[in-house]
Structure formats: C-alpha cells, structure tokens
Amino acid sequence: ATVTSAEETYALFTRGSHNRHVGMTEMNRESSRSHAVFTISLESRRRACPGAAVQKRSALLHLVDLAGSERQKSTESAGVRLKEASAINKSLSALGNVIKALVDVAEGKDRHVPYRDSKLTFLLKEALGGRARCTLLACVSPAAGQLEETLSTLKFAQRAKLVKVKATANEEALGSPAELAAEVV
C-alpha cells in the first residue's frame, strides 16, 4: 500500500498488527504464532537547481518481530500449536544458519549463505547481507524459569553482532539526456 504521511503509515502498521496470529500456550497467554515483518520503502527526490537532474534516494526499513523459539516441554503444546512451534523453530534455525554463514564470510571464509532456506531469510536477504545498517533488539526475561531461553537469545544476539556490514547509499540520477549530460560536465 502507498502511504504519504506518518499517520497513514501507523494505521497500516496497526492493521497488520491486528492480523498477527497469536495463541495461548503454557508459557504465554498471548504467544506469537508467527513472525511479523513490516517493511517501509522510503523514497525521496530532489533537484539541486533548475535544469539539473533529479537525485533519487531510496531505502527499505524492515521492522521484524520474531516469534520466540518453542520448547515443547515448556509450552506443553500439542496438535496445531505443536505444528506452529515446529514451523517457528525451523524458521529461527534457518535465520541462525544465515547469521553463522555471514559471520564466517566476515572472517574471510568462502561460504555459501543459505538465504533461500526460509521465507524470512529470503525476505531479509538485503538487510542481513551486509549492504544495510541493521539493529537487533533482543528481548529477554529476568525470570529464573526462563533462563535457558534468555541465554539462547543472548547467544544469538552475540553471534549477530559479529556480522560485518558495509552500508551503501541507494542513489540514482533521473532526468532527460541533456540534464544527465550537464551533471557529468
């Protein structure tokens, strides 16, 4: 959907948030049963002076909320909830494999990065692959009963910090041949 204001963007974000699948488990009354990805494509255009080519800048902003890993023993899931947990874990495992491969590449190893192993990693390929700035917020619990999950999350965040990125600007000049030729001179 195309939006032109912060209010329209927030309304779209809220609508998407309401579509998110949640369900009850023994660990969490409103447990996310899927990942959520909200992607904002930003574009700006400006002309430095009359007759000059238009400078276009573009960027993608991915807001990703990952469903937490599921341990069947802790959640006591069965049936549909167990299948959801399995899909969540498979996706998180694929993300972990991509992060591991990217760390290996950053350390100079020649390694295939398995972006196509899940929809999530394929969707986030450009963001994860080192051409963009990336920020990770890891949510953990202070509860003693959640120690194993907290440690797992912190280890994942530590591995993700090792990925080396080289952000590049997405800029291009747009205009007539005469305007573009004037830019070169």
N, C-alpha and C. Protein backbone atom coordinates (compact mmCIF):
# COMPACT_ATOMS: atom_id res chain seq x y z
N ALA A 1 0.84 -1.18 0.00
CA ALA A 1 0.00 0.00 0.00
C ALA A 1 0.89 1.24 0.00
N THR A 2 0.47 2.27 -0.65
CA THR A 2 1.20 3.53 -0.68
C THR A 2 0.65 4.46 0.38
N VAL A 3 1.55 5.02 1.17
CA VAL A 3 1.17 5.98 2.20
C VAL A 3 2.01 7.24 2.02
N THR A 4 1.47 8.37 2.47
CA THR A 4 2.18 9.64 2.29
C THR A 4 2.36 10.40 3.59
N SER A 5 1.97 9.81 4.71
CA SER A 5 2.13 10.50 5.99
C SER A 5 2.42 9.49 7.10
N ALA A 6 2.90 10.01 8.21
CA ALA A 6 3.18 9.15 9.36
C ALA A 6 1.89 8.52 9.88
N GLU A 7 0.80 9.27 9.86
CA GLU A 7 -0.48 8.76 10.35
C GLU A 7 -0.96 7.57 9.51
N GLU A 8 -0.84 7.70 8.19
CA GLU A 8 -1.25 6.60 7.30
C GLU A 8 -0.36 5.38 7.51
N THR A 9 0.94 5.62 7.73
CA THR A 9 1.88 4.53 7.98
C THR A 9 1.50 3.80 9.26
N TYR A 10 1.21 4.55 10.31
CA TYR A 10 0.85 3.94 11.59
C TYR A 10 -0.46 3.16 11.48
N ALA A 11 -1.42 3.70 10.74
CA ALA A 11 -2.69 2.99 10.55
C ALA A 11 -2.46 1.66 9.85
N LEU A 12 -1.59 1.64 8.85
CA LEU A 12 -1.28 0.40 8.13
C LEU A 12 -0.55 -0.58 9.05
N PHE A 13 0.38 -0.07 9.84
CA PHE A 13 1.11 -0.89 10.81
C PHE A 13 0.15 -1.53 11.81
N THR A 14 -0.78 -0.75 12.31
CA THR A 14 -1.77 -1.25 13.27
C THR A 14 -2.66 -2.32 12.64
N ARG A 15 -3.09 -2.08 11.40
CA ARG A 15 -3.91 -3.07 10.70
C ARG A 15 -3.16 -4.39 10.55
N GLY A 16 -1.89 -4.31 10.19
CA GLY A 16 -1.07 -5.51 10.06
C GLY A 16 -0.88 -6.21 11.40
N SER A 17 -0.72 -5.43 12.45
CA SER A 17 -0.53 -5.99 13.79
C SER A 17 -1.77 -6.78 14.24
N HIS A 18 -2.93 -6.30 13.86
CA HIS A 18 -4.17 -7.00 14.22
C HIS A 18 -4.32 -8.32 13.47
N ASN A 19 -3.65 -8.45 12.34
CA ASN A 19 -3.70 -9.70 11.57
C ASN A 19 -2.73 -10.75 12.08
N ARG A 20 -1.88 -10.37 13.02
CA ARG A 20 -0.88 -11.29 13.54
C ARG A 20 -1.56 -12.42 14.31
N HIS A 21 -1.09 -13.62 14.08
CA HIS A 21 -1.66 -14.81 14.71
C HIS A 21 -1.04 -14.99 16.10
N VAL A 22 -1.88 -15.01 17.13
CA VAL A 22 -1.42 -15.29 18.49
C VAL A 22 -2.26 -16.42 19.06
N GLY A 23 -1.71 -17.10 20.04
CA GLY A 23 -2.42 -18.20 20.67
C GLY A 23 -1.90 -18.43 22.07
N MET A 24 -2.63 -19.17 22.83
CA MET A 24 -2.28 -19.43 24.22
C MET A 24 -1.41 -20.69 24.34
N THR A 25 -0.33 -20.58 25.13
CA THR A 25 0.48 -21.74 25.49
C THR A 25 0.67 -21.71 27.01
N GLU A 26 1.28 -22.73 27.54
CA GLU A 26 1.52 -22.77 28.99
C GLU A 26 2.50 -21.68 29.43
N MET A 27 3.35 -21.21 28.53
CA MET A 27 4.33 -20.19 28.88
C MET A 27 3.82 -18.78 28.71
N ASN A 28 2.83 -18.58 27.83
CA ASN A 28 2.45 -17.24 27.45
C ASN A 28 0.98 -17.21 27.03
N ARG A 29 0.21 -16.31 27.63
CA ARG A 29 -1.21 -16.22 27.33
C ARG A 29 -1.47 -15.75 25.90
N GLU A 30 -0.61 -14.84 25.40
CA GLU A 30 -0.75 -14.34 24.04
C GLU A 30 0.56 -14.57 23.30
N SER A 31 0.86 -15.80 23.00
CA SER A 31 2.10 -16.18 22.34
C SER A 31 2.01 -15.94 20.84
N SER A 32 3.03 -15.28 20.29
CA SER A 32 3.10 -15.08 18.84
C SER A 32 3.22 -16.44 18.18
N ARG A 33 2.38 -16.70 17.20
CA ARG A 33 2.42 -17.97 16.49
C ARG A 33 3.03 -17.80 15.11
N SER A 34 3.60 -16.62 14.87
CA SER A 34 4.26 -16.35 13.59
C SER A 34 5.19 -15.16 13.77
N HIS A 35 6.10 -14.99 12.81
CA HIS A 35 6.94 -13.80 12.79
C HIS A 35 6.12 -12.68 12.15
N ALA A 36 6.48 -11.45 12.45
CA ALA A 36 5.84 -10.30 11.80
C ALA A 36 6.93 -9.47 11.14
N VAL A 37 6.71 -9.12 9.87
CA VAL A 37 7.65 -8.27 9.14
C VAL A 37 6.85 -7.11 8.56
N PHE A 38 7.26 -5.90 8.91
CA PHE A 38 6.64 -4.68 8.40
C PHE A 38 7.74 -3.94 7.64
N THR A 39 7.60 -3.81 6.34
CA THR A 39 8.63 -3.18 5.52
C THR A 39 8.13 -1.85 5.00
N ILE A 40 8.94 -0.84 5.23
CA ILE A 40 8.64 0.50 4.73
C ILE A 40 9.66 0.82 3.65
N SER A 41 9.17 1.17 2.48
CA SER A 41 10.03 1.60 1.38
C SER A 41 9.96 3.12 1.31
N LEU A 42 11.11 3.75 1.53
CA LEU A 42 11.19 5.21 1.53
C LEU A 42 11.84 5.69 0.24
N GLU A 43 11.33 6.80 -0.29
CA GLU A 43 11.92 7.36 -1.49
C GLU A 43 11.85 8.88 -1.41
N SER A 44 12.96 9.52 -1.73
CA SER A 44 12.97 10.99 -1.79
C SER A 44 13.56 11.40 -3.12
N ARG A 45 13.07 12.49 -3.65
CA ARG A 45 13.56 13.04 -4.91
C ARG A 45 13.77 14.53 -4.72
N ARG A 46 14.93 15.01 -5.23
CA ARG A 46 15.17 16.44 -5.17
C ARG A 46 16.03 16.86 -6.36
N ARG A 47 15.86 18.10 -6.72
CA ARG A 47 16.62 18.68 -7.83
C ARG A 47 17.50 19.76 -7.20
N ALA A 48 18.81 19.65 -7.38
CA ALA A 48 19.74 20.59 -6.76
C ALA A 48 19.50 22.02 -7.24
N CYS A 49 19.21 22.19 -8.52
CA CYS A 49 18.91 23.51 -9.08
C CYS A 49 18.08 23.31 -10.34
N PRO A 50 17.42 24.37 -10.82
CA PRO A 50 16.61 24.23 -12.04
C PRO A 50 17.47 23.73 -13.21
N GLY A 51 16.95 22.76 -13.94
CA GLY A 51 17.66 22.20 -15.09
C GLY A 51 18.58 21.04 -14.74
N ALA A 52 18.82 20.82 -13.46
CA ALA A 52 19.68 19.71 -13.04
C ALA A 52 18.87 18.42 -12.99
N ALA A 53 19.58 17.32 -13.02
CA ALA A 53 18.92 16.01 -12.92
C ALA A 53 18.33 15.85 -11.52
N VAL A 54 17.30 15.06 -11.44
CA VAL A 54 16.66 14.76 -10.15
C VAL A 54 17.47 13.67 -9.45
N GLN A 55 17.82 13.91 -8.20
CA GLN A 55 18.52 12.91 -7.40
C GLN A 55 17.48 12.11 -6.64
N LYS A 56 17.48 10.79 -6.84
CA LYS A 56 16.52 9.92 -6.15
C LYS A 56 17.27 9.07 -5.14
N ARG A 57 16.80 9.08 -3.93
CA ARG A 57 17.34 8.21 -2.88
C ARG A 57 16.24 7.29 -2.42
N SER A 58 16.61 6.03 -2.17
CA SER A 58 15.61 5.08 -1.70
C SER A 58 16.21 4.22 -0.60
N ALA A 59 15.34 3.72 0.24
CA ALA A 59 15.77 2.85 1.34
C ALA A 59 14.62 1.96 1.76
N LEU A 60 14.96 0.84 2.36
CA LEU A 60 13.97 -0.06 2.94
C LEU A 60 14.21 -0.11 4.44
N LEU A 61 13.14 -0.07 5.19
CA LEU A 61 13.21 -0.22 6.63
C LEU A 61 12.35 -1.43 6.99
N HIS A 62 13.00 -2.47 7.52
CA HIS A 62 12.28 -3.68 7.93
C HIS A 62 12.15 -3.66 9.45
N LEU A 63 10.94 -3.72 9.93
CA LEU A 63 10.68 -3.91 11.35
C LEU A 63 10.24 -5.36 11.50
N VAL A 64 11.05 -6.14 12.21
CA VAL A 64 10.81 -7.58 12.30
C VAL A 64 10.62 -7.97 13.75
N ASP A 65 9.53 -8.64 14.03
CA ASP A 65 9.28 -9.18 15.36
C ASP A 65 9.26 -10.70 15.23
N LEU A 66 10.30 -11.32 15.74
CA LEU A 66 10.40 -12.78 15.63
C LEU A 66 9.62 -13.45 16.75
N ALA A 67 8.90 -14.47 16.40
CA ALA A 67 8.26 -15.30 17.42
C ALA A 67 9.38 -16.03 18.16
N GLY A 68 9.23 -16.21 19.44
CA GLY A 68 10.27 -16.88 20.22
C GLY A 68 10.34 -18.36 19.94
N SER A 69 11.52 -18.93 20.20
CA SER A 69 11.66 -20.37 19.99
C SER A 69 10.74 -21.11 20.96
N GLU A 70 10.33 -22.27 20.56
CA GLU A 70 9.36 -23.04 21.33
C GLU A 70 9.94 -24.37 21.78
N ARG A 71 9.92 -24.59 23.07
CA ARG A 71 10.31 -25.90 23.59
C ARG A 71 9.02 -26.61 24.00
N GLN A 72 8.76 -27.75 23.39
CA GLN A 72 7.51 -28.47 23.62
C GLN A 72 7.31 -28.77 25.09
N LYS A 73 8.39 -29.09 25.77
CA LYS A 73 8.31 -29.42 27.19
C LYS A 73 7.79 -28.22 28.00
N SER A 74 8.26 -27.00 27.67
CA SER A 74 7.86 -25.81 28.42
C SER A 74 6.47 -25.34 28.06
N THR A 75 6.13 -25.38 26.77
CA THR A 75 4.84 -24.84 26.33
C THR A 75 3.72 -25.86 26.42
N GLU A 76 4.08 -27.13 26.56
CA GLU A 76 3.10 -28.22 26.58
C GLU A 76 2.18 -28.16 25.38
N SER A 77 2.78 -27.81 24.22
CA SER A 77 1.97 -27.69 23.01
C SER A 77 1.70 -29.05 22.39
N ALA A 78 0.55 -29.12 21.72
CA ALA A 78 0.14 -30.34 21.04
C ALA A 78 -0.72 -29.95 19.85
N GLY A 79 -0.86 -30.84 18.90
CA GLY A 79 -1.73 -30.59 17.75
C GLY A 79 -1.28 -29.41 16.92
N VAL A 80 -2.19 -28.46 16.71
CA VAL A 80 -1.93 -27.28 15.88
C VAL A 80 -0.81 -26.44 16.49
N ARG A 81 -0.83 -26.27 17.81
CA ARG A 81 0.22 -25.47 18.48
C ARG A 81 1.59 -26.10 18.31
N LEU A 82 1.66 -27.42 18.30
CA LEU A 82 2.93 -28.11 18.11
C LEU A 82 3.45 -27.90 16.68
N LYS A 83 2.54 -27.93 15.69
CA LYS A 83 2.93 -27.67 14.30
C LYS A 83 3.42 -26.23 14.15
N GLU A 84 2.72 -25.28 14.79
CA GLU A 84 3.15 -23.88 14.74
C GLU A 84 4.54 -23.73 15.36
N ALA A 85 4.74 -24.38 16.50
CA ALA A 85 6.04 -24.32 17.19
C ALA A 85 7.14 -24.88 16.30
N SER A 86 6.85 -25.96 15.61
CA SER A 86 7.83 -26.58 14.72
C SER A 86 8.21 -25.63 13.59
N ALA A 87 7.22 -24.96 13.01
CA ALA A 87 7.48 -24.00 11.92
C ALA A 87 8.29 -22.81 12.43
N ILE A 88 7.96 -22.32 13.62
CA ILE A 88 8.71 -21.20 14.22
C ILE A 88 10.16 -21.61 14.42
N ASN A 89 10.38 -22.78 15.01
CA ASN A 89 11.74 -23.25 15.29
C ASN A 89 12.53 -23.47 14.00
N LYS A 90 11.87 -23.99 12.97
CA LYS A 90 12.56 -24.22 11.69
C LYS A 90 13.02 -22.89 11.09
N SER A 91 12.15 -21.90 11.14
CA SER A 91 12.48 -20.58 10.61
C SER A 91 13.61 -19.92 11.41
N LEU A 92 13.56 -20.02 12.73
CA LEU A 92 14.61 -19.44 13.57
C LEU A 92 15.94 -20.16 13.36
N SER A 93 15.88 -21.46 13.13
CA SER A 93 17.09 -22.23 12.85
C SER A 93 17.71 -21.77 11.53
N ALA A 94 16.88 -21.54 10.52
CA ALA A 94 17.37 -21.06 9.22
C ALA A 94 18.01 -19.68 9.38
N LEU A 95 17.39 -18.81 10.20
CA LEU A 95 17.97 -17.49 10.45
C LEU A 95 19.32 -17.62 11.15
N GLY A 96 19.40 -18.51 12.13
CA GLY A 96 20.66 -18.75 12.82
C GLY A 96 21.74 -19.25 11.87
N ASN A 97 21.37 -20.12 10.92
CA ASN A 97 22.33 -20.63 9.93
C ASN A 97 22.83 -19.51 9.02
N VAL A 98 21.94 -18.60 8.64
CA VAL A 98 22.34 -17.47 7.80
C VAL A 98 23.30 -16.56 8.58
N ILE A 99 22.97 -16.28 9.84
CA ILE A 99 23.85 -15.44 10.67
C ILE A 99 25.22 -16.10 10.81
N LYS A 100 25.24 -17.40 11.06
CA LYS A 100 26.52 -18.13 11.19
C LYS A 100 27.33 -18.03 9.91
N ALA A 101 26.68 -18.23 8.77
CA ALA A 101 27.38 -18.14 7.48
C ALA A 101 27.91 -16.73 7.24
N LEU A 102 27.12 -15.72 7.59
CA LEU A 102 27.57 -14.34 7.41
C LEU A 102 28.76 -14.01 8.30
N VAL A 103 28.78 -14.55 9.51
CA VAL A 103 29.92 -14.36 10.41
C VAL A 103 31.16 -15.03 9.80
N ASP A 104 30.99 -16.23 9.26
CA ASP A 104 32.11 -16.93 8.60
C ASP A 104 32.65 -16.11 7.43
N VAL A 105 31.74 -15.54 6.62
CA VAL A 105 32.15 -14.70 5.49
C VAL A 105 32.91 -13.47 6.00
N ALA A 106 32.42 -12.87 7.08
CA ALA A 106 33.10 -11.69 7.66
C ALA A 106 34.50 -12.05 8.15
N GLU A 107 34.70 -13.29 8.53
CA GLU A 107 36.01 -13.75 8.99
C GLU A 107 36.90 -14.21 7.84
N GLY A 108 36.43 -14.02 6.60
CA GLY A 108 37.24 -14.34 5.43
C GLY A 108 37.05 -15.73 4.87
N LYS A 109 36.13 -16.49 5.38
CA LYS A 109 35.89 -17.84 4.87
C LYS A 109 34.99 -17.78 3.64
N ASP A 110 35.26 -18.66 2.69
CA ASP A 110 34.44 -18.75 1.49
C ASP A 110 33.26 -19.66 1.82
N ARG A 111 32.07 -19.08 1.92
CA ARG A 111 30.93 -19.83 2.43
C ARG A 111 29.66 -19.44 1.70
N HIS A 112 28.83 -20.41 1.39
CA HIS A 112 27.50 -20.16 0.82
C HIS A 112 26.58 -19.70 1.95
N VAL A 113 25.82 -18.64 1.71
CA VAL A 113 24.86 -18.14 2.70
C VAL A 113 23.48 -18.64 2.28
N PRO A 114 22.84 -19.48 3.11
CA PRO A 114 21.58 -20.14 2.72
C PRO A 114 20.32 -19.28 2.92
N TYR A 115 20.25 -18.15 2.19
CA TYR A 115 19.09 -17.26 2.31
C TYR A 115 17.79 -17.94 1.90
N ARG A 116 17.84 -18.87 0.97
CA ARG A 116 16.62 -19.48 0.43
C ARG A 116 16.04 -20.59 1.30
N ASP A 117 16.64 -20.83 2.46
CA ASP A 117 16.15 -21.91 3.32
C ASP A 117 14.85 -21.56 4.05
N SER A 118 14.49 -20.29 4.09
CA SER A 118 13.21 -19.91 4.70
C SER A 118 12.70 -18.63 4.06
N LYS A 119 11.40 -18.41 4.15
CA LYS A 119 10.81 -17.19 3.61
C LYS A 119 11.37 -15.97 4.33
N LEU A 120 11.57 -16.09 5.64
CA LEU A 120 12.06 -14.97 6.43
C LEU A 120 13.45 -14.54 5.98
N THR A 121 14.38 -15.48 5.85
CA THR A 121 15.74 -15.11 5.46
C THR A 121 15.80 -14.63 4.02
N PHE A 122 14.97 -15.18 3.15
CA PHE A 122 14.93 -14.72 1.76
C PHE A 122 14.41 -13.29 1.70
N LEU A 123 13.37 -13.00 2.47
CA LEU A 123 12.78 -11.66 2.51
C LEU A 123 13.77 -10.63 3.04
N LEU A 124 14.58 -11.03 4.00
CA LEU A 124 15.51 -10.11 4.66
C LEU A 124 16.93 -10.18 4.09
N LYS A 125 17.10 -10.80 2.94
CA LYS A 125 18.43 -11.02 2.36
C LYS A 125 19.23 -9.72 2.27
N GLU A 126 18.66 -8.67 1.72
CA GLU A 126 19.39 -7.41 1.57
C GLU A 126 19.73 -6.80 2.92
N ALA A 127 18.85 -6.91 3.88
CA ALA A 127 19.11 -6.34 5.21
C ALA A 127 20.18 -7.14 5.95
N LEU A 128 20.16 -8.44 5.82
CA LEU A 128 21.11 -9.29 6.54
C LEU A 128 22.46 -9.36 5.84
N GLY A 129 22.48 -9.19 4.53
CA GLY A 129 23.66 -9.46 3.73
C GLY A 129 24.79 -8.47 3.82
N GLY A 130 24.68 -7.45 4.64
CA GLY A 130 25.80 -6.56 4.84
C GLY A 130 25.80 -5.30 4.02
N ARG A 131 24.75 -5.03 3.24
CA ARG A 131 24.70 -3.79 2.47
C ARG A 131 23.84 -2.73 3.13
N ALA A 132 23.37 -3.00 4.33
CA ALA A 132 22.47 -2.08 5.01
C ALA A 132 22.82 -2.00 6.49
N ARG A 133 22.38 -0.93 7.10
CA ARG A 133 22.52 -0.84 8.54
C ARG A 133 21.48 -1.76 9.16
N CYS A 134 21.85 -2.37 10.25
CA CYS A 134 20.94 -3.33 10.87
C CYS A 134 21.05 -3.21 12.39
N THR A 135 19.93 -3.17 13.05
CA THR A 135 19.88 -3.11 14.51
C THR A 135 19.06 -4.28 15.01
N LEU A 136 19.54 -4.92 16.05
CA LEU A 136 18.84 -6.05 16.65
C LEU A 136 18.51 -5.70 18.09
N LEU A 137 17.27 -5.85 18.46
CA LEU A 137 16.85 -5.72 19.86
C LEU A 137 16.47 -7.10 20.35
N ALA A 138 17.14 -7.56 21.37
CA ALA A 138 16.86 -8.88 21.92
C ALA A 138 16.06 -8.71 23.21
N CYS A 139 14.88 -9.28 23.24
CA CYS A 139 14.03 -9.19 24.43
C CYS A 139 14.22 -10.45 25.27
N VAL A 140 14.57 -10.26 26.51
CA VAL A 140 14.83 -11.38 27.40
C VAL A 140 14.02 -11.21 28.68
N SER A 141 13.93 -12.29 29.43
CA SER A 141 13.15 -12.29 30.66
C SER A 141 14.07 -12.42 31.87
N PRO A 142 13.77 -11.68 32.95
CA PRO A 142 14.56 -11.82 34.17
C PRO A 142 14.13 -13.03 35.02
N ALA A 143 13.07 -13.71 34.61
CA ALA A 143 12.53 -14.82 35.40
C ALA A 143 13.49 -16.01 35.39
N ALA A 144 13.70 -16.59 36.54
CA ALA A 144 14.61 -17.74 36.66
C ALA A 144 14.14 -18.91 35.80
N GLY A 145 12.85 -19.08 35.63
CA GLY A 145 12.31 -20.17 34.83
C GLY A 145 12.55 -19.99 33.34
N GLN A 146 12.96 -18.80 32.94
CA GLN A 146 13.21 -18.52 31.52
C GLN A 146 14.71 -18.44 31.20
N LEU A 147 15.55 -18.90 32.12
CA LEU A 147 17.00 -18.78 31.97
C LEU A 147 17.50 -19.39 30.66
N GLU A 148 17.03 -20.58 30.33
CA GLU A 148 17.50 -21.25 29.12
C GLU A 148 17.17 -20.45 27.86
N GLU A 149 15.94 -19.93 27.78
CA GLU A 149 15.52 -19.13 26.63
C GLU A 149 16.29 -17.81 26.58
N THR A 150 16.51 -17.19 27.75
CA THR A 150 17.25 -15.93 27.82
C THR A 150 18.68 -16.12 27.34
N LEU A 151 19.34 -17.18 27.80
CA LEU A 151 20.72 -17.44 27.36
C LEU A 151 20.78 -17.71 25.86
N SER A 152 19.83 -18.45 25.34
CA SER A 152 19.79 -18.74 23.92
C SER A 152 19.63 -17.45 23.11
N THR A 153 18.77 -16.55 23.55
CA THR A 153 18.55 -15.27 22.88
C THR A 153 19.81 -14.42 22.92
N LEU A 154 20.47 -14.37 24.07
CA LEU A 154 21.68 -13.57 24.19
C LEU A 154 22.82 -14.12 23.33
N LYS A 155 22.92 -15.45 23.23
CA LYS A 155 23.94 -16.05 22.37
C LYS A 155 23.67 -15.72 20.90
N PHE A 156 22.40 -15.76 20.50
CA PHE A 156 22.03 -15.40 19.13
C PHE A 156 22.41 -13.94 18.85
N ALA A 157 22.08 -13.05 19.79
CA ALA A 157 22.40 -11.63 19.61
C ALA A 157 23.91 -11.42 19.51
N GLN A 158 24.67 -12.16 20.31
CA GLN A 158 26.13 -12.05 20.27
C GLN A 158 26.67 -12.47 18.90
N ARG A 159 26.13 -13.56 18.35
CA ARG A 159 26.56 -14.01 17.01
C ARG A 159 26.18 -12.97 15.95
N ALA A 160 24.98 -12.41 16.08
CA ALA A 160 24.52 -11.42 15.10
C ALA A 160 25.40 -10.17 15.11
N LYS A 161 25.94 -9.81 16.27
CA LYS A 161 26.82 -8.65 16.36
C LYS A 161 28.10 -8.84 15.56
N LEU A 162 28.49 -10.06 15.27
CA LEU A 162 29.73 -10.35 14.57
C LEU A 162 29.62 -10.19 13.05
N VAL A 163 28.39 -10.01 12.54
CA VAL A 163 28.20 -9.81 11.11
C VAL A 163 28.74 -8.43 10.75
N LYS A 164 29.59 -8.37 9.73
CA LYS A 164 30.16 -7.10 9.27
C LYS A 164 29.29 -6.53 8.17
N VAL A 165 28.97 -5.25 8.28
CA VAL A 165 28.14 -4.60 7.28
C VAL A 165 28.89 -3.43 6.65
N LYS A 166 28.57 -3.18 5.39
CA LYS A 166 29.09 -2.03 4.66
C LYS A 166 27.89 -1.38 3.99
N ALA A 167 27.26 -0.48 4.71
CA ALA A 167 26.05 0.17 4.19
C ALA A 167 26.38 0.99 2.95
N THR A 168 25.52 0.91 1.95
CA THR A 168 25.70 1.67 0.72
C THR A 168 24.46 2.53 0.49
N ALA A 169 24.69 3.72 -0.06
CA ALA A 169 23.58 4.63 -0.37
C ALA A 169 22.93 4.19 -1.67
N ASN A 170 21.62 4.17 -1.70
CA ASN A 170 20.87 3.83 -2.90
C ASN A 170 20.46 5.14 -3.57
N GLU A 171 21.33 5.64 -4.45
CA GLU A 171 21.07 6.91 -5.12
C GLU A 171 21.17 6.71 -6.63
N GLU A 172 20.36 7.48 -7.34
CA GLU A 172 20.47 7.48 -8.79
C GLU A 172 20.00 8.83 -9.31
N ALA A 173 20.53 9.20 -10.44
CA ALA A 173 20.14 10.44 -11.09
C ALA A 173 19.08 10.13 -12.14
N LEU A 174 18.02 10.92 -12.16
CA LEU A 174 16.93 10.75 -13.11
C LEU A 174 16.78 12.03 -13.91
N GLY A 175 16.51 11.92 -15.18
CA GLY A 175 16.26 13.12 -15.98
C GLY A 175 16.44 12.85 -17.45
N SER A 176 16.32 13.91 -18.21
CA SER A 176 16.49 13.79 -19.67
C SER A 176 17.98 13.62 -19.98
N PRO A 177 18.29 13.16 -21.17
CA PRO A 177 19.71 13.02 -21.55
C PRO A 177 20.49 14.32 -21.38
N ALA A 178 19.86 15.45 -21.68
CA ALA A 178 20.55 16.75 -21.56
C ALA A 178 20.85 17.05 -20.08
N GLU A 179 19.86 16.79 -19.20
CA GLU A 179 20.07 17.03 -17.76
C GLU A 179 21.16 16.14 -17.21
N LEU A 180 21.17 14.88 -17.62
CA LEU A 180 22.19 13.94 -17.15
C LEU A 180 23.57 14.31 -17.68
N ALA A 181 23.65 14.75 -18.94
CA ALA A 181 24.93 15.17 -19.53
C ALA A 181 25.47 16.40 -18.80
N ALA A 182 24.58 17.30 -18.39
CA ALA A 182 25.01 18.51 -17.66
C ALA A 182 25.60 18.14 -16.30
N GLU A 183 25.16 17.04 -15.71
CA GLU A 183 25.68 16.58 -14.42
C GLU A 183 27.13 16.11 -14.56
N VAL A 184 27.46 15.53 -15.70
CA VAL A 184 28.79 14.96 -15.92
C VAL A 184 29.82 16.07 -16.13
N VAL A 185 29.43 17.15 -16.80
CA VAL A 185 30.35 18.25 -17.11
C VAL A 185 30.76 19.02 -15.92
